[in-house]
Amino acid sequence: VNVLAPRPEGLVFRDEDLVVRWNGKQGNFVRIILSTYSETTGRAVKPVIVFGREFGEDPRSNSLLISSKLLKLIPEGRFMMTFMSANREEAAIEGYPDRILVQAASIRNLIITLR
């Protein structure tokens, strides 16, 4: 999965809806985490807000709309946006009495500036 929008080091305006777009086949759910960002360490510091979408059996879309109403709740500044696409399923293994949880995830990080 590749994130198409927003672009790395992009400028995002809080008074406009943000459409996050990706290509490739996403998993059963997509989660986007916006965290404060430390220029010194180059790492996410503290999650500010988490957006998510579960797809289940519904037709899948390669985008997620984040409302400007939500973006306005977040102060201006630089943030790390973590995009996570994952699958979770239970499976049975022959000869093993219990079902097991199988998970796989693709994670991408990018830095954006909110204004």
C-alpha atoms as a PDB file:
ATOM      1  CA  VAL A   1       0.000   0.000   0.000  1.00  0.00           C
ATOM      2  CA  ASN A   2       1.330   3.449  -0.954  1.00  0.00           C
ATOM      3  CA  VAL A   3      -0.039   6.706   0.436  1.00  0.00           C
ATOM      4  CA  LEU A   4      -0.830   9.139  -2.416  1.00  0.00           C
ATOM      5  CA  ALA A   5      -2.244  12.049  -0.400  1.00  0.00           C
ATOM      6  CA  PRO A   6      -1.295  13.949   1.570  1.00  0.00           C
ATOM      7  CA  ARG A   7       2.249  14.139   0.270  1.00  0.00           C
ATOM      8  CA  PRO A   8       5.254  13.864   2.609  1.00  0.00           C
ATOM      9  CA  GLU A   9       6.229  17.263   4.029  1.00  0.00           C
ATOM     10  CA  GLY A  10       2.884  18.536   2.741  1.00  0.00           C
ATOM     11  CA  LEU A  11       0.935  21.508   4.029  1.00  0.00           C
ATOM     12  CA  VAL A  12      -2.571  20.666   5.267  1.00  0.00           C
ATOM     13  CA  PHE A  13      -5.081  23.432   5.950  1.00  0.00           C
ATOM     14  CA  ARG A  14      -7.275  22.847   8.988  1.00  0.00           C
ATOM     15  CA  ASP A  15     -10.208  24.735   7.444  1.00  0.00           C
ATOM     16  CA  GLU A  16     -10.403  22.256   4.529  1.00  0.00           C
ATOM     17  CA  ASP A  17     -11.417  18.608   4.566  1.00  0.00           C
ATOM     18  CA  LEU A  18      -8.440  16.292   4.129  1.00  0.00           C
ATOM     19  CA  VAL A  19      -8.784  13.336   1.785  1.00  0.00           C
ATOM     20  CA  VAL A  20      -6.244  10.614   2.520  1.00  0.00           C
ATOM     21  CA  ARG A  21      -5.729   8.439  -0.571  1.00  0.00           C
ATOM     22  CA  TRP A  22      -3.712   5.323  -1.203  1.00  0.00           C
ATOM     23  CA  ASN A  23      -3.257   2.739  -3.897  1.00  0.00           C
ATOM     24  CA  GLY A  24      -2.810  -0.985  -3.609  1.00  0.00           C
ATOM     25  CA  LYS A  25      -4.977  -3.430  -1.739  1.00  0.00           C
ATOM     26  CA  GLN A  26      -5.675  -2.363   1.816  1.00  0.00           C
ATOM     27  CA  GLY A  27      -6.470  -4.744   4.643  1.00  0.00           C
ATOM     28  CA  ASN A  28      -9.684  -5.250   6.571  1.00  0.00           C
ATOM     29  CA  PHE A  29      -9.135  -1.971   8.371  1.00  0.00           C
ATOM     30  CA  VAL A  30      -7.191   1.229   7.934  1.00  0.00           C
ATOM     31  CA  ARG A  31      -6.059   3.388  10.826  1.00  0.00           C
ATOM     32  CA  ILE A  32      -4.521   6.839  10.582  1.00  0.00           C
ATOM     33  CA  ILE A  33      -2.771   8.210  13.656  1.00  0.00           C
ATOM     34  CA  LEU A  34      -1.795  11.864  13.876  1.00  0.00           C
ATOM     35  CA  SER A  35       0.940  12.413  16.486  1.00  0.00           C
ATOM     36  CA  THR A  36       2.974  15.358  17.676  1.00  0.00           C
ATOM     37  CA  TYR A  37       6.425  15.209  16.132  1.00  0.00           C
ATOM     38  CA  SER A  38       9.865  15.882  17.583  1.00  0.00           C
ATOM     39  CA  GLU A  39      12.278  17.536  15.160  1.00  0.00           C
ATOM     40  CA  THR A  40      15.118  16.598  17.526  1.00  0.00           C
ATOM     41  CA  THR A  41      14.507  12.845  17.606  1.00  0.00           C
ATOM     42  CA  GLY A  42      12.648  12.511  14.295  1.00  0.00           C
ATOM     43  CA  ARG A  43       9.945  10.491  16.051  1.00  0.00           C
ATOM     44  CA  ALA A  44       6.298  10.677  16.938  1.00  0.00           C
ATOM     45  CA  VAL A  45       5.872  11.920  20.503  1.00  0.00           C
ATOM     46  CA  LYS A  46       2.213  11.636  21.462  1.00  0.00           C
ATOM     47  CA  PRO A  47      -0.870  10.561  19.502  1.00  0.00           C
ATOM     48  CA  VAL A  48      -3.292  13.458  19.100  1.00  0.00           C
ATOM     49  CA  ILE A  49      -6.133  11.756  17.262  1.00  0.00           C
ATOM     50  CA  VAL A  50      -6.841   8.403  15.624  1.00  0.00           C
ATOM     51  CA  PHE A  51      -9.029   7.963  12.553  1.00  0.00           C
ATOM     52  CA  GLY A  52     -10.114   4.524  11.496  1.00  0.00           C
ATOM     53  CA  ARG A  53     -12.227   2.651   9.042  1.00  0.00           C
ATOM     54  CA  GLU A  54     -13.182  -1.001   9.038  1.00  0.00           C
ATOM     55  CA  PHE A  55     -14.090  -2.464   5.696  1.00  0.00           C
ATOM     56  CA  GLY A  56     -15.506  -5.879   6.601  1.00  0.00           C
ATOM     57  CA  GLU A  57     -17.530  -7.159   3.659  1.00  0.00           C
ATOM     58  CA  ASP A  58     -18.365  -3.691   2.291  1.00  0.00           C
ATOM     59  CA  PRO A  59     -16.981  -2.547  -1.051  1.00  0.00           C
ATOM     60  CA  ARG A  60     -13.538  -1.120  -0.465  1.00  0.00           C
ATOM     61  CA  SER A  61     -12.497   2.424  -1.183  1.00  0.00           C
ATOM     62  CA  ASN A  62      -8.953   3.708  -1.388  1.00  0.00           C
ATOM     63  CA  SER A  63      -9.669   6.932   0.461  1.00  0.00           C
ATOM     64  CA  LEU A  64     -10.713   8.299   3.829  1.00  0.00           C
ATOM     65  CA  LEU A  65     -12.159  11.784   4.425  1.00  0.00           C
ATOM     66  CA  ILE A  66     -11.037  13.644   7.544  1.00  0.00           C
ATOM     67  CA  SER A  67     -13.416  16.507   8.248  1.00  0.00           C
ATOM     68  CA  SER A  68     -12.146  20.044   8.727  1.00  0.00           C
ATOM     69  CA  LYS A  69     -14.244  20.105  11.919  1.00  0.00           C
ATOM     70  CA  LEU A  70     -11.917  17.494  13.390  1.00  0.00           C
ATOM     71  CA  LEU A  71      -8.775  19.096  11.999  1.00  0.00           C
ATOM     72  CA  LYS A  72      -9.688  22.423  13.645  1.00  0.00           C
ATOM     73  CA  LEU A  73      -9.503  20.693  17.048  1.00  0.00           C
ATOM     74  CA  ILE A  74      -5.792  20.083  16.485  1.00  0.00           C
ATOM     75  CA  PRO A  75      -3.315  22.959  16.975  1.00  0.00           C
ATOM     76  CA  GLU A  76      -1.100  24.188  14.147  1.00  0.00           C
ATOM     77  CA  GLY A  77       2.297  22.551  13.808  1.00  0.00           C
ATOM     78  CA  ARG A  78       4.232  19.619  12.387  1.00  0.00           C
ATOM     79  CA  PHE A  79       2.845  16.143  12.896  1.00  0.00           C
ATOM     80  CA  MET A  80       3.693  12.587  12.031  1.00  0.00           C
ATOM     81  CA  MET A  81       0.881  10.855  10.178  1.00  0.00           C
ATOM     82  CA  THR A  82       1.028   7.093  10.537  1.00  0.00           C
ATOM     83  CA  PHE A  83      -0.970   5.138   7.995  1.00  0.00           C
ATOM     84  CA  MET A  84      -1.662   1.532   8.951  1.00  0.00           C
ATOM     85  CA  SER A  85      -3.455  -1.021   6.796  1.00  0.00           C
ATOM     86  CA  ALA A  86      -3.971  -4.413   8.424  1.00  0.00           C
ATOM     87  CA  ASN A  87      -5.727  -7.743   8.239  1.00  0.00           C
ATOM     88  CA  ARG A  88      -6.911  -9.727  11.254  1.00  0.00           C
ATOM     89  CA  GLU A  89      -8.485 -13.118  10.926  1.00  0.00           C
ATOM     90  CA  GLU A  90      -8.928 -16.199  13.017  1.00  0.00           C
ATOM     91  CA  ALA A  91      -7.773 -19.451  11.485  1.00  0.00           C
ATOM     92  CA  ALA A  92      -7.920 -23.117  12.356  1.00  0.00           C
ATOM     93  CA  ILE A  93      -4.857 -25.305  12.126  1.00  0.00           C
ATOM     94  CA  GLU A  94      -5.373 -29.007  11.750  1.00  0.00           C
ATOM     95  CA  GLY A  95      -4.391 -30.869  14.889  1.00  0.00           C
ATOM     96  CA  TYR A  96      -4.534 -27.746  17.063  1.00  0.00           C
ATOM     97  CA  PRO A  97      -7.667 -27.521  19.263  1.00  0.00           C
ATOM     98  CA  ASP A  98      -8.077 -23.718  19.342  1.00  0.00           C
ATOM     99  CA  ARG A  99      -8.403 -21.099  16.635  1.00  0.00           C
ATOM    100  CA  ILE A 100      -5.453 -18.728  16.285  1.00  0.00           C
ATOM    101  CA  LEU A 101      -5.300 -15.034  15.431  1.00  0.00           C
ATOM    102  CA  VAL A 102      -3.351 -14.197  12.267  1.00  0.00           C
ATOM    103  CA  GLN A 103      -2.379 -10.555  11.666  1.00  0.00           C
ATOM    104  CA  ALA A 104      -0.428  -8.678   9.009  1.00  0.00           C
ATOM    105  CA  ALA A 105       0.099  -4.931   8.691  1.00  0.00           C
ATOM    106  CA  SER A 106       1.641  -2.377   6.359  1.00  0.00           C
ATOM    107  CA  ILE A 107       2.706   0.866   8.049  1.00  0.00           C
ATOM    108  CA  ARG A 108       3.798   4.140   6.429  1.00  0.00           C
ATOM    109  CA  ASN A 109       4.839   7.354   8.202  1.00  0.00           C
ATOM    110  CA  LEU A 110       4.976  10.857   6.793  1.00  0.00           C
ATOM    111  CA  ILE A 111       5.406  14.332   8.184  1.00  0.00           C
ATOM    112  CA  ILE A 112       2.801  17.024   7.516  1.00  0.00           C
ATOM    113  CA  THR A 113       2.322  20.612   8.646  1.00  0.00           C
ATOM    114  CA  LEU A 114      -1.134  21.715   9.830  1.00  0.00           C
ATOM    115  CA  ARG A 115      -2.010  25.387   9.309  1.00  0.00           C
END
